[in-house]
Amino acid sequence: MLDLSLPAGLRDLLPDHSAHLAELSARLHEVFSSFHYRRVLLPTLERLEVVERGLSPAALAAVLKFVEPGSGEVVAIRPDITPQIARLYAARPDALPAPARLCYDGPVLRAREARAGRPREVYQAGVELLGEGGPRADAEALTVLARALQVVGLATAVIEVGHARFAQEVVAAAGLSAAAREDASVALARKDEAALAALARRGKGTAAARQALPLLAGLYGDRALERAREVARAVPGAGAALADVEAALKLARRRGLGEVVVDLGEVRGLGYYTGITFAGYAPGAGSAVAAGGRYDALLARFGRPGPAIGFAVDLEFATQALERAGVGPGRSRSAPGKTNGP
């Protein structure tokens, strides 16, 4: 008997659900366009060497690769779209002068589930701002994300803002061993102040830095920036990261950004992100509906160095949140407008 089931981690999307994803993507692109982001369509397959340049070693373990029968080249099914954007930007400086504002949508496929119940094939829509750094670009990315979530019906989503280097600077200044740094990452993810204090006692760094390490667990929510300034005084290397966040939030608020949650003890994306990071969380979604940040080291790997920032919306989780909120295709939402563009 023919087995009609799908491989593990894959699923069919039936008409109603597919309609939700298609409408969500269309509305997101309306917002992206209003901020002057131009859409690109990218292939599902890439040469493995391109994919390898754009991913962290941990992410490479999830790449699905094979040898093409005709050419003998090793190719990969894209596990992420950002490296493809970087490859295109490097290959076509004639068509994509800096700064380039690009947007996209499409599926990405991983070789295995990131965790139980998480599909291997993920549908995304996102933006990338290439060749422009500084607080203006950071603020623009935050503004576009907030506007996109509002327009599609996720106005109650919480945007969480952090920085890839803040906690990293404190951990480094505390003088932890390589093994202890791994333990610190786990403790930071759990907001485990006691575990961080225990690790700090084993550190070889300055007394001020070791005392600051457990404080990272509390750099979340109300007065997080105020508490972070105390940490930055103890660890001057963290001051530049804090300044990045404060400057971006100041500019973004001038452009209409509402309340956000600051988490400077966050360690998401270390090794990939180089600056400000952010994620969107909506009631009813099983995980973040959007995530992104600054990744200034990536473009140089493709031969066209420069700053870059972007984010991707997970269409599945965003649709899940909308469906659980009773929002379906055709429900009216505010028009994206043009007033908040760069």
C-alpha atoms as a PDB file:
ATOM      1  CA  MET A   1       0.000   0.000   0.000  1.00  0.00           C
ATOM      2  CA  LEU A   2       1.270   3.474  -0.900  1.00  0.00           C
ATOM      3  CA  ASP A   3       2.276   5.502   2.145  1.00  0.00           C
ATOM      4  CA  LEU A   4       0.620   8.911   1.717  1.00  0.00           C
ATOM      5  CA  SER A   5       2.262  10.476   4.758  1.00  0.00           C
ATOM      6  CA  LEU A   6       4.893  13.208   4.456  1.00  0.00           C
ATOM      7  CA  PRO A   7       8.488  13.100   5.687  1.00  0.00           C
ATOM      8  CA  ALA A   8       8.945  14.065   9.320  1.00  0.00           C
ATOM      9  CA  GLY A   9       8.623  17.766   9.991  1.00  0.00           C
ATOM     10  CA  LEU A  10       6.734  18.584   6.774  1.00  0.00           C
ATOM     11  CA  ARG A  11       3.020  19.257   6.348  1.00  0.00           C
ATOM     12  CA  ASP A  12       0.401  20.192   3.800  1.00  0.00           C
ATOM     13  CA  LEU A  13      -1.402  23.514   4.227  1.00  0.00           C
ATOM     14  CA  LEU A  14      -5.099  23.265   3.405  1.00  0.00           C
ATOM     15  CA  PRO A  15      -7.000  26.017   1.528  1.00  0.00           C
ATOM     16  CA  ASP A  16      -8.123  28.169   4.461  1.00  0.00           C
ATOM     17  CA  HIS A  17      -4.737  28.125   6.127  1.00  0.00           C
ATOM     18  CA  SER A  18      -2.952  28.711   2.826  1.00  0.00           C
ATOM     19  CA  ALA A  19      -5.217  31.714   2.183  1.00  0.00           C
ATOM     20  CA  HIS A  20      -4.245  33.153   5.557  1.00  0.00           C
ATOM     21  CA  LEU A  21      -0.534  32.831   4.787  1.00  0.00           C
ATOM     22  CA  ALA A  22      -0.940  34.320   1.302  1.00  0.00           C
ATOM     23  CA  GLU A  23      -2.916  37.316   2.570  1.00  0.00           C
ATOM     24  CA  LEU A  24      -0.498  37.874   5.424  1.00  0.00           C
ATOM     25  CA  SER A  25       2.453  37.891   3.046  1.00  0.00           C
ATOM     26  CA  ALA A  26       0.691  40.317   0.695  1.00  0.00           C
ATOM     27  CA  ARG A  27      -0.111  42.741   3.505  1.00  0.00           C
ATOM     28  CA  LEU A  28       3.447  42.591   4.810  1.00  0.00           C
ATOM     29  CA  HIS A  29       4.771  43.444   1.367  1.00  0.00           C
ATOM     30  CA  GLU A  30       2.436  46.447   1.221  1.00  0.00           C
ATOM     31  CA  VAL A  31       4.121  47.743   4.363  1.00  0.00           C
ATOM     32  CA  PHE A  32       7.623  46.910   3.120  1.00  0.00           C
ATOM     33  CA  SER A  33       6.910  48.730  -0.133  1.00  0.00           C
ATOM     34  CA  SER A  34       5.666  51.794   1.748  1.00  0.00           C
ATOM     35  CA  PHE A  35       9.149  52.047   3.283  1.00  0.00           C
ATOM     36  CA  HIS A  36      10.720  51.717  -0.187  1.00  0.00           C
ATOM     37  CA  TYR A  37      11.838  48.098   0.105  1.00  0.00           C
ATOM     38  CA  ARG A  38      11.909  46.347  -3.272  1.00  0.00           C
ATOM     39  CA  ARG A  39      10.965  42.717  -3.668  1.00  0.00           C
ATOM     40  CA  VAL A  40      13.383  40.075  -4.952  1.00  0.00           C
ATOM     41  CA  LEU A  41      12.656  36.467  -5.889  1.00  0.00           C
ATOM     42  CA  LEU A  42      15.390  33.994  -5.055  1.00  0.00           C
ATOM     43  CA  PRO A  43      16.003  30.348  -6.001  1.00  0.00           C
ATOM     44  CA  THR A  44      15.383  27.489  -3.620  1.00  0.00           C
ATOM     45  CA  LEU A  45      18.792  25.936  -4.351  1.00  0.00           C
ATOM     46  CA  GLU A  46      22.182  27.533  -3.715  1.00  0.00           C
ATOM     47  CA  ARG A  47      25.720  26.271  -4.052  1.00  0.00           C
ATOM     48  CA  LEU A  48      26.761  24.805  -0.723  1.00  0.00           C
ATOM     49  CA  GLU A  49      29.774  27.133  -0.504  1.00  0.00           C
ATOM     50  CA  VAL A  50      27.427  30.130  -0.608  1.00  0.00           C
ATOM     51  CA  VAL A  51      25.273  28.730   2.176  1.00  0.00           C
ATOM     52  CA  GLU A  52      28.335  27.846   4.251  1.00  0.00           C
ATOM     53  CA  ARG A  53      29.613  31.421   4.108  1.00  0.00           C
ATOM     54  CA  GLY A  54      26.348  32.787   5.430  1.00  0.00           C
ATOM     55  CA  LEU A  55      25.587  30.534   8.382  1.00  0.00           C
ATOM     56  CA  SER A  56      27.059  29.813  11.791  1.00  0.00           C
ATOM     57  CA  PRO A  57      28.648  26.378  12.355  1.00  0.00           C
ATOM     58  CA  ALA A  58      25.646  25.347  14.468  1.00  0.00           C
ATOM     59  CA  ALA A  59      23.198  26.314  11.708  1.00  0.00           C
ATOM     60  CA  LEU A  60      25.188  24.387   9.096  1.00  0.00           C
ATOM     61  CA  ALA A  61      24.210  21.141  10.815  1.00  0.00           C
ATOM     62  CA  ALA A  62      20.624  21.755   9.658  1.00  0.00           C
ATOM     63  CA  VAL A  63      21.481  22.207   5.957  1.00  0.00           C
ATOM     64  CA  LEU A  64      19.939  19.728   3.520  1.00  0.00           C
ATOM     65  CA  LYS A  65      22.501  19.169   0.757  1.00  0.00           C
ATOM     66  CA  PHE A  66      23.018  16.856  -2.207  1.00  0.00           C
ATOM     67  CA  VAL A  67      25.053  16.426  -5.395  1.00  0.00           C
ATOM     68  CA  GLU A  68      23.385  17.607  -8.587  1.00  0.00           C
ATOM     69  CA  PRO A  69      23.320  14.708 -11.094  1.00  0.00           C
ATOM     70  CA  GLY A  70      24.136  16.871 -14.128  1.00  0.00           C
ATOM     71  CA  SER A  71      26.949  19.111 -12.886  1.00  0.00           C
ATOM     72  CA  GLY A  72      28.284  17.187  -9.909  1.00  0.00           C
ATOM     73  CA  GLU A  73      28.104  20.362  -7.820  1.00  0.00           C
ATOM     74  CA  VAL A  74      27.183  20.140  -4.165  1.00  0.00           C
ATOM     75  CA  VAL A  75      24.094  22.267  -3.640  1.00  0.00           C
ATOM     76  CA  ALA A  76      21.872  23.025  -0.672  1.00  0.00           C
ATOM     77  CA  ILE A  77      18.206  23.769  -0.178  1.00  0.00           C
ATOM     78  CA  ARG A  78      18.192  27.173   1.453  1.00  0.00           C
ATOM     79  CA  PRO A  79      17.829  27.025   5.241  1.00  0.00           C
ATOM     80  CA  ASP A  80      17.796  30.837   5.445  1.00  0.00           C
ATOM     81  CA  ILE A  81      17.197  33.624   2.926  1.00  0.00           C
ATOM     82  CA  THR A  82      19.532  36.292   4.324  1.00  0.00           C
ATOM     83  CA  PRO A  83      22.716  34.652   2.927  1.00  0.00           C
ATOM     84  CA  GLN A  84      21.062  34.624  -0.495  1.00  0.00           C
ATOM     85  CA  ILE A  85      20.369  38.345  -0.185  1.00  0.00           C
ATOM     86  CA  ALA A  86      24.018  38.888   0.749  1.00  0.00           C
ATOM     87  CA  ARG A  87      25.170  36.853  -2.276  1.00  0.00           C
ATOM     88  CA  LEU A  88      22.890  38.821  -4.610  1.00  0.00           C
ATOM     89  CA  TYR A  89      24.037  42.156  -3.163  1.00  0.00           C
ATOM     90  CA  ALA A  90      27.686  41.203  -3.664  1.00  0.00           C
ATOM     91  CA  ALA A  91      27.120  39.855  -7.185  1.00  0.00           C
ATOM     92  CA  ARG A  92      25.133  42.835  -8.512  1.00  0.00           C
ATOM     93  CA  PRO A  93      26.514  46.132  -7.235  1.00  0.00           C
ATOM     94  CA  ASP A  94      25.466  47.653 -10.566  1.00  0.00           C
ATOM     95  CA  ALA A  95      21.791  46.925  -9.907  1.00  0.00           C
ATOM     96  CA  LEU A  96      21.936  47.233  -6.114  1.00  0.00           C
ATOM     97  CA  PRO A  97      23.905  50.328  -5.071  1.00  0.00           C
ATOM     98  CA  ALA A  98      24.234  50.987  -1.354  1.00  0.00           C
ATOM     99  CA  PRO A  99      22.105  51.414   0.574  1.00  0.00           C
ATOM    100  CA  ALA A 100      19.866  48.690  -0.843  1.00  0.00           C
ATOM    101  CA  ARG A 101      16.432  48.053   0.651  1.00  0.00           C
ATOM    102  CA  LEU A 102      15.230  44.585  -0.320  1.00  0.00           C
ATOM    103  CA  CYS A 103      12.307  42.419   0.759  1.00  0.00           C
ATOM    104  CA  TYR A 104      11.395  38.819   0.064  1.00  0.00           C
ATOM    105  CA  ASP A 105       9.188  35.902   0.944  1.00  0.00           C
ATOM    106  CA  GLY A 106       9.336  32.157   0.514  1.00  0.00           C
ATOM    107  CA  PRO A 107       9.994  28.872   2.276  1.00  0.00           C
ATOM    108  CA  VAL A 108      13.221  27.731   3.898  1.00  0.00           C
ATOM    109  CA  LEU A 109      13.943  24.090   4.684  1.00  0.00           C
ATOM    110  CA  ARG A 110      16.073  22.555   7.428  1.00  0.00           C
ATOM    111  CA  ALA A 111      17.407  19.007   7.513  1.00  0.00           C
ATOM    112  CA  ARG A 112      15.932  18.378  10.939  1.00  0.00           C
ATOM    113  CA  GLU A 113      13.459  19.883  13.358  1.00  0.00           C
ATOM    114  CA  ALA A 114      14.931  22.634  15.532  1.00  0.00           C
ATOM    115  CA  ARG A 115      12.836  21.204  18.350  1.00  0.00           C
ATOM    116  CA  ALA A 116       9.976  18.754  18.706  1.00  0.00           C
ATOM    117  CA  GLY A 117       6.863  19.903  16.889  1.00  0.00           C
ATOM    118  CA  ARG A 118       8.644  22.724  15.016  1.00  0.00           C
ATOM    119  CA  PRO A 119       8.201  22.235  11.250  1.00  0.00           C
ATOM    120  CA  ARG A 120      11.321  21.844   9.129  1.00  0.00           C
ATOM    121  CA  GLU A 121       9.847  23.961   6.343  1.00  0.00           C
ATOM    122  CA  VAL A 122       9.205  27.543   7.407  1.00  0.00           C
ATOM    123  CA  TYR A 123       7.528  30.279   5.375  1.00  0.00           C
ATOM    124  CA  GLN A 124       9.060  33.701   5.846  1.00  0.00           C
ATOM    125  CA  ALA A 125       8.688  37.282   4.672  1.00  0.00           C
ATOM    126  CA  GLY A 126      11.319  39.825   5.556  1.00  0.00           C
ATOM    127  CA  VAL A 127      13.424  42.866   4.782  1.00  0.00           C
ATOM    128  CA  GLU A 128      17.139  43.586   4.577  1.00  0.00           C
ATOM    129  CA  LEU A 129      18.767  47.017   4.648  1.00  0.00           C
ATOM    130  CA  LEU A 130      22.241  46.578   3.161  1.00  0.00           C
ATOM    131  CA  GLY A 131      25.071  49.092   3.142  1.00  0.00           C
ATOM    132  CA  GLU A 132      23.764  51.405   5.862  1.00  0.00           C
ATOM    133  CA  GLY A 133      24.720  51.332   9.523  1.00  0.00           C
ATOM    134  CA  GLY A 134      24.223  53.448  12.600  1.00  0.00           C
ATOM    135  CA  PRO A 135      21.188  54.336  14.700  1.00  0.00           C
ATOM    136  CA  ARG A 136      19.134  55.621  11.753  1.00  0.00           C
ATOM    137  CA  ALA A 137      19.193  52.210  10.093  1.00  0.00           C
ATOM    138  CA  ASP A 138      18.570  50.418  13.399  1.00  0.00           C
ATOM    139  CA  ALA A 139      15.601  52.703  14.077  1.00  0.00           C
ATOM    140  CA  GLU A 140      14.263  52.125  10.576  1.00  0.00           C
ATOM    141  CA  ALA A 141      14.293  48.361  11.023  1.00  0.00           C
ATOM    142  CA  LEU A 142      12.442  48.652  14.332  1.00  0.00           C
ATOM    143  CA  THR A 143       9.913  51.044  12.812  1.00  0.00           C
ATOM    144  CA  VAL A 144       9.222  48.811   9.804  1.00  0.00           C
ATOM    145  CA  LEU A 145       8.746  45.778  12.051  1.00  0.00           C
ATOM    146  CA  ALA A 146       6.375  47.611  14.400  1.00  0.00           C
ATOM    147  CA  ARG A 147       4.356  49.012  11.503  1.00  0.00           C
ATOM    148  CA  ALA A 148       4.171  45.621   9.801  1.00  0.00           C
ATOM    149  CA  LEU A 149       2.870  43.893  12.924  1.00  0.00           C
ATOM    150  CA  GLN A 150       0.313  46.647  13.462  1.00  0.00           C
ATOM    151  CA  VAL A 151      -1.003  46.577   9.898  1.00  0.00           C
ATOM    152  CA  VAL A 152      -1.464  42.808   9.698  1.00  0.00           C
ATOM    153  CA  GLY A 153      -3.452  42.756  12.942  1.00  0.00           C
ATOM    154  CA  LEU A 154      -0.773  41.994  15.529  1.00  0.00           C
ATOM    155  CA  ALA A 155      -0.790  45.390  17.230  1.00  0.00           C
ATOM    156  CA  THR A 156      -0.662  43.685  20.641  1.00  0.00           C
ATOM    157  CA  ALA A 157       2.610  41.931  19.786  1.00  0.00           C
ATOM    158  CA  VAL A 158       5.489  42.774  22.097  1.00  0.00           C
ATOM    159  CA  ILE A 159       8.772  43.818  20.493  1.00  0.00           C
ATOM    160  CA  GLU A 160      11.783  42.801  22.550  1.00  0.00           C
ATOM    161  CA  VAL A 161      15.033  44.688  21.900  1.00  0.00           C
ATOM    162  CA  GLY A 162      18.539  43.634  22.890  1.00  0.00           C
ATOM    163  CA  HIS A 163      22.123  43.799  21.701  1.00  0.00           C
ATOM    164  CA  ALA A 164      24.435  40.979  20.697  1.00  0.00           C
ATOM    165  CA  ARG A 165      27.513  42.482  22.357  1.00  0.00           C
ATOM    166  CA  PHE A 166      26.244  43.783  25.700  1.00  0.00           C
ATOM    167  CA  ALA A 167      26.148  40.501  27.619  1.00  0.00           C
ATOM    168  CA  GLN A 168      29.122  39.248  25.614  1.00  0.00           C
ATOM    169  CA  GLU A 169      31.277  42.136  26.859  1.00  0.00           C
ATOM    170  CA  VAL A 170      30.320  41.476  30.476  1.00  0.00           C
ATOM    171  CA  VAL A 171      31.001  37.735  30.191  1.00  0.00           C
ATOM    172  CA  ALA A 172      34.384  38.438  28.595  1.00  0.00           C
ATOM    173  CA  ALA A 173      35.338  41.001  31.259  1.00  0.00           C
ATOM    174  CA  ALA A 174      34.424  38.532  34.008  1.00  0.00           C
ATOM    175  CA  GLY A 175      37.233  36.285  32.749  1.00  0.00           C
ATOM    176  CA  LEU A 176      35.288  33.037  32.439  1.00  0.00           C
ATOM    177  CA  SER A 177      36.802  29.906  30.946  1.00  0.00           C
ATOM    178  CA  ALA A 178      35.432  28.554  27.646  1.00  0.00           C
ATOM    179  CA  ALA A 179      33.334  25.953  29.474  1.00  0.00           C
ATOM    180  CA  ALA A 180      32.079  28.540  31.948  1.00  0.00           C
ATOM    181  CA  ARG A 181      31.076  30.841  29.081  1.00  0.00           C
ATOM    182  CA  GLU A 182      28.882  28.062  27.710  1.00  0.00           C
ATOM    183  CA  ASP A 183      27.318  27.646  31.142  1.00  0.00           C
ATOM    184  CA  ALA A 184      26.795  31.404  31.325  1.00  0.00           C
ATOM    185  CA  SER A 185      24.874  31.343  28.030  1.00  0.00           C
ATOM    186  CA  VAL A 186      22.523  28.716  29.445  1.00  0.00           C
ATOM    187  CA  ALA A 187      22.104  30.663  32.683  1.00  0.00           C
ATOM    188  CA  LEU A 188      21.402  33.889  30.784  1.00  0.00           C
ATOM    189  CA  ALA A 189      18.740  32.181  28.690  1.00  0.00           C
ATOM    190  CA  ARG A 190      17.083  31.060  31.932  1.00  0.00           C
ATOM    191  CA  LYS A 191      17.599  34.415  33.723  1.00  0.00           C
ATOM    192  CA  ASP A 192      19.317  32.376  36.438  1.00  0.00           C
ATOM    193  CA  GLU A 193      20.988  34.969  38.655  1.00  0.00           C
ATOM    194  CA  ALA A 194      22.236  32.406  41.195  1.00  0.00           C
ATOM    195  CA  ALA A 195      23.981  30.352  38.512  1.00  0.00           C
ATOM    196  CA  LEU A 196      25.605  33.471  37.084  1.00  0.00           C
ATOM    197  CA  ALA A 197      26.812  34.487  40.552  1.00  0.00           C
ATOM    198  CA  ALA A 198      28.384  31.072  41.013  1.00  0.00           C
ATOM    199  CA  LEU A 199      30.143  31.356  37.664  1.00  0.00           C
ATOM    200  CA  ALA A 200      31.334  34.863  38.516  1.00  0.00           C
ATOM    201  CA  ARG A 201      33.114  33.559  41.604  1.00  0.00           C
ATOM    202  CA  ARG A 202      35.205  31.320  39.320  1.00  0.00           C
ATOM    203  CA  GLY A 203      36.089  34.141  36.935  1.00  0.00           C
ATOM    204  CA  LYS A 204      39.524  35.696  36.548  1.00  0.00           C
ATOM    205  CA  GLY A 205      38.374  39.159  35.473  1.00  0.00           C
ATOM    206  CA  THR A 206      38.031  42.388  37.407  1.00  0.00           C
ATOM    207  CA  ALA A 207      36.003  42.402  40.594  1.00  0.00           C
ATOM    208  CA  ALA A 208      33.606  44.952  39.083  1.00  0.00           C
ATOM    209  CA  ALA A 209      32.949  42.758  36.044  1.00  0.00           C
ATOM    210  CA  ARG A 210      32.431  39.641  38.171  1.00  0.00           C
ATOM    211  CA  GLN A 211      29.938  41.542  40.322  1.00  0.00           C
ATOM    212  CA  ALA A 212      28.146  42.761  37.184  1.00  0.00           C
ATOM    213  CA  LEU A 213      27.747  39.312  35.655  1.00  0.00           C
ATOM    214  CA  PRO A 214      24.735  38.161  37.753  1.00  0.00           C
ATOM    215  CA  LEU A 215      23.070  41.527  37.171  1.00  0.00           C
ATOM    216  CA  LEU A 216      22.567  40.535  33.521  1.00  0.00           C
ATOM    217  CA  ALA A 217      19.701  38.282  34.618  1.00  0.00           C
ATOM    218  CA  GLY A 218      17.734  41.347  35.678  1.00  0.00           C
ATOM    219  CA  LEU A 219      18.275  43.543  32.619  1.00  0.00           C
ATOM    220  CA  TYR A 220      14.763  42.924  31.349  1.00  0.00           C
ATOM    221  CA  GLY A 221      11.556  44.928  31.422  1.00  0.00           C
ATOM    222  CA  ASP A 222      10.925  48.049  33.483  1.00  0.00           C
ATOM    223  CA  ARG A 223      14.006  50.193  34.129  1.00  0.00           C
ATOM    224  CA  ALA A 224      16.222  47.757  32.191  1.00  0.00           C
ATOM    225  CA  LEU A 225      18.101  50.604  30.532  1.00  0.00           C
ATOM    226  CA  GLU A 226      18.692  52.313  33.862  1.00  0.00           C
ATOM    227  CA  ARG A 227      20.074  49.110  35.384  1.00  0.00           C
ATOM    228  CA  ALA A 228      22.142  48.512  32.255  1.00  0.00           C
ATOM    229  CA  ARG A 229      23.859  51.865  32.724  1.00  0.00           C
ATOM    230  CA  GLU A 230      25.094  50.658  36.135  1.00  0.00           C
ATOM    231  CA  VAL A 231      26.526  47.527  34.481  1.00  0.00           C
ATOM    232  CA  ALA A 232      28.137  49.605  31.731  1.00  0.00           C
ATOM    233  CA  ARG A 233      29.906  51.714  34.345  1.00  0.00           C
ATOM    234  CA  ALA A 234      31.444  48.507  35.721  1.00  0.00           C
ATOM    235  CA  VAL A 235      32.222  47.116  32.246  1.00  0.00           C
ATOM    236  CA  PRO A 236      33.054  50.017  29.907  1.00  0.00           C
ATOM    237  CA  GLY A 237      33.121  47.686  26.899  1.00  0.00           C
ATOM    238  CA  ALA A 238      29.356  47.244  27.272  1.00  0.00           C
ATOM    239  CA  GLY A 239      28.796  50.991  27.037  1.00  0.00           C
ATOM    240  CA  ALA A 240      28.991  51.142  23.241  1.00  0.00           C
ATOM    241  CA  ALA A 241      26.356  48.430  22.917  1.00  0.00           C
ATOM    242  CA  LEU A 242      24.080  50.238  25.343  1.00  0.00           C
ATOM    243  CA  ALA A 243      24.566  53.478  23.382  1.00  0.00           C
ATOM    244  CA  ASP A 244      23.510  51.668  20.183  1.00  0.00           C
ATOM    245  CA  VAL A 245      20.246  50.560  21.761  1.00  0.00           C
ATOM    246  CA  GLU A 246      19.437  53.912  23.339  1.00  0.00           C
ATOM    247  CA  ALA A 247      20.152  55.844  20.129  1.00  0.00           C
ATOM    248  CA  ALA A 248      18.038  53.489  18.013  1.00  0.00           C
ATOM    249  CA  LEU A 249      15.103  53.622  20.428  1.00  0.00           C
ATOM    250  CA  LYS A 250      15.263  57.415  20.633  1.00  0.00           C
ATOM    251  CA  LEU A 251      15.061  57.789  16.852  1.00  0.00           C
ATOM    252  CA  ALA A 252      12.457  55.059  16.423  1.00  0.00           C
ATOM    253  CA  ARG A 253      10.201  56.648  19.028  1.00  0.00           C
ATOM    254  CA  ARG A 254      10.353  59.914  17.104  1.00  0.00           C
ATOM    255  CA  ARG A 255       9.016  57.948  14.147  1.00  0.00           C
ATOM    256  CA  GLY A 256       6.122  56.514  16.131  1.00  0.00           C
ATOM    257  CA  LEU A 257       7.513  53.373  17.740  1.00  0.00           C
ATOM    258  CA  GLY A 258       5.396  52.417  20.734  1.00  0.00           C
ATOM    259  CA  GLU A 259       6.465  50.641  23.886  1.00  0.00           C
ATOM    260  CA  VAL A 260       9.086  47.919  23.611  1.00  0.00           C
ATOM    261  CA  VAL A 261      10.652  45.543  26.113  1.00  0.00           C
ATOM    262  CA  VAL A 262      14.418  45.833  26.536  1.00  0.00           C
ATOM    263  CA  ASP A 263      16.409  42.691  27.336  1.00  0.00           C
ATOM    264  CA  LEU A 264      20.157  43.287  27.508  1.00  0.00           C
ATOM    265  CA  GLY A 265      20.826  39.925  29.113  1.00  0.00           C
ATOM    266  CA  GLU A 266      19.713  38.203  25.907  1.00  0.00           C
ATOM    267  CA  VAL A 267      22.221  35.957  24.149  1.00  0.00           C
ATOM    268  CA  ARG A 268      20.121  35.016  21.091  1.00  0.00           C
ATOM    269  CA  GLY A 269      22.122  34.906  17.895  1.00  0.00           C
ATOM    270  CA  LEU A 270      25.613  35.352  19.338  1.00  0.00           C
ATOM    271  CA  GLY A 271      28.158  34.590  16.639  1.00  0.00           C
ATOM    272  CA  TYR A 272      25.853  35.913  13.894  1.00  0.00           C
ATOM    273  CA  TYR A 273      24.438  39.217  15.070  1.00  0.00           C
ATOM    274  CA  THR A 274      26.870  42.039  15.759  1.00  0.00           C
ATOM    275  CA  GLY A 275      24.651  44.801  17.115  1.00  0.00           C
ATOM    276  CA  ILE A 276      21.056  45.517  18.011  1.00  0.00           C
ATOM    277  CA  THR A 277      18.698  42.525  17.991  1.00  0.00           C
ATOM    278  CA  PHE A 278      14.926  42.343  18.206  1.00  0.00           C
ATOM    279  CA  ALA A 279      12.037  39.896  18.158  1.00  0.00           C
ATOM    280  CA  GLY A 280       8.247  40.123  18.089  1.00  0.00           C
ATOM    281  CA  TYR A 281       6.026  38.001  20.327  1.00  0.00           C
ATOM    282  CA  ALA A 282       2.261  37.764  19.846  1.00  0.00           C
ATOM    283  CA  PRO A 283      -0.384  36.094  22.035  1.00  0.00           C
ATOM    284  CA  GLY A 284      -1.389  32.718  20.637  1.00  0.00           C
ATOM    285  CA  ALA A 285       1.830  32.030  18.718  1.00  0.00           C
ATOM    286  CA  GLY A 286       4.026  29.113  19.682  1.00  0.00           C
ATOM    287  CA  SER A 287       7.207  31.115  19.241  1.00  0.00           C
ATOM    288  CA  ALA A 288       8.439  34.518  18.050  1.00  0.00           C
ATOM    289  CA  VAL A 289       6.447  35.837  15.078  1.00  0.00           C
ATOM    290  CA  ALA A 290       9.460  37.856  13.900  1.00  0.00           C
ATOM    291  CA  ALA A 291      13.159  38.118  14.654  1.00  0.00           C
ATOM    292  CA  GLY A 292      16.181  39.952  13.336  1.00  0.00           C
ATOM    293  CA  GLY A 293      19.025  42.300  14.040  1.00  0.00           C
ATOM    294  CA  ARG A 294      22.264  43.815  12.830  1.00  0.00           C
ATOM    295  CA  TYR A 295      24.785  41.493  11.138  1.00  0.00           C
ATOM    296  CA  ASP A 296      27.638  43.706   9.970  1.00  0.00           C
ATOM    297  CA  ALA A 297      30.138  40.873   9.485  1.00  0.00           C
ATOM    298  CA  LEU A 298      28.131  38.900   6.925  1.00  0.00           C
ATOM    299  CA  LEU A 299      28.506  40.962   3.749  1.00  0.00           C
ATOM    300  CA  ALA A 300      32.306  40.861   3.899  1.00  0.00           C
ATOM    301  CA  ARG A 301      32.180  37.065   3.601  1.00  0.00           C
ATOM    302  CA  PHE A 302      30.684  37.537   0.139  1.00  0.00           C
ATOM    303  CA  GLY A 303      33.218  40.121  -1.003  1.00  0.00           C
ATOM    304  CA  ARG A 304      31.272  43.355  -0.543  1.00  0.00           C
ATOM    305  CA  PRO A 305      31.870  44.542   3.018  1.00  0.00           C
ATOM    306  CA  GLY A 306      29.362  46.806   4.670  1.00  0.00           C
ATOM    307  CA  PRO A 307      26.818  47.088   7.468  1.00  0.00           C
ATOM    308  CA  ALA A 308      23.470  45.304   7.268  1.00  0.00           C
ATOM    309  CA  ILE A 309      20.316  44.828   9.309  1.00  0.00           C
ATOM    310  CA  GLY A 310      17.069  42.986   8.717  1.00  0.00           C
ATOM    311  CA  PHE A 311      14.344  40.764  10.075  1.00  0.00           C
ATOM    312  CA  ALA A 312      12.062  37.946   9.005  1.00  0.00           C
ATOM    313  CA  VAL A 313       8.437  37.351   9.919  1.00  0.00           C
ATOM    314  CA  ASP A 314       7.540  33.708  10.493  1.00  0.00           C
ATOM    315  CA  LEU A 315       4.314  33.501   8.492  1.00  0.00           C
ATOM    316  CA  GLU A 316       3.208  30.304  10.200  1.00  0.00           C
ATOM    317  CA  PHE A 317       3.467  31.631  13.740  1.00  0.00           C
ATOM    318  CA  ALA A 318       2.039  35.008  12.750  1.00  0.00           C
ATOM    319  CA  THR A 319      -0.927  33.297  11.078  1.00  0.00           C
ATOM    320  CA  GLN A 320      -1.357  31.101  14.151  1.00  0.00           C
ATOM    321  CA  ALA A 321      -1.625  34.201  16.340  1.00  0.00           C
ATOM    322  CA  LEU A 322      -4.094  35.855  13.951  1.00  0.00           C
ATOM    323  CA  GLU A 323      -6.295  32.763  13.690  1.00  0.00           C
ATOM    324  CA  ARG A 324      -6.429  32.347  17.456  1.00  0.00           C
ATOM    325  CA  ALA A 325      -7.388  36.012  17.699  1.00  0.00           C
ATOM    326  CA  GLY A 326     -10.226  35.379  15.225  1.00  0.00           C
ATOM    327  CA  VAL A 327      -8.663  37.350  12.377  1.00  0.00           C
ATOM    328  CA  GLY A 328      -9.104  35.731   8.964  1.00  0.00           C
ATOM    329  CA  PRO A 329      -8.671  36.673   5.301  1.00  0.00           C
ATOM    330  CA  GLY A 330     -10.524  39.791   4.248  1.00  0.00           C
ATOM    331  CA  ARG A 331     -10.774  41.356   7.699  1.00  0.00           C
ATOM    332  CA  SER A 332     -10.082  45.068   7.322  1.00  0.00           C
ATOM    333  CA  ARG A 333      -6.987  46.592   8.858  1.00  0.00           C
ATOM    334  CA  SER A 334      -5.491  50.061   8.695  1.00  0.00           C
ATOM    335  CA  ALA A 335      -3.758  50.869   5.445  1.00  0.00           C
ATOM    336  CA  PRO A 336       0.035  50.913   5.596  1.00  0.00           C
ATOM    337  CA  GLY A 337       0.375  54.469   4.339  1.00  0.00           C
ATOM    338  CA  LYS A 338       3.554  56.267   3.308  1.00  0.00           C
ATOM    339  CA  THR A 339       4.183  58.665   6.141  1.00  0.00           C
ATOM    340  CA  ASN A 340       6.686  56.611   8.145  1.00  0.00           C
ATOM    341  CA  GLY A 341       9.076  55.778   5.320  1.00  0.00           C
ATOM    342  CA  PRO A 342      12.758  56.675   5.456  1.00  0.00           C
END
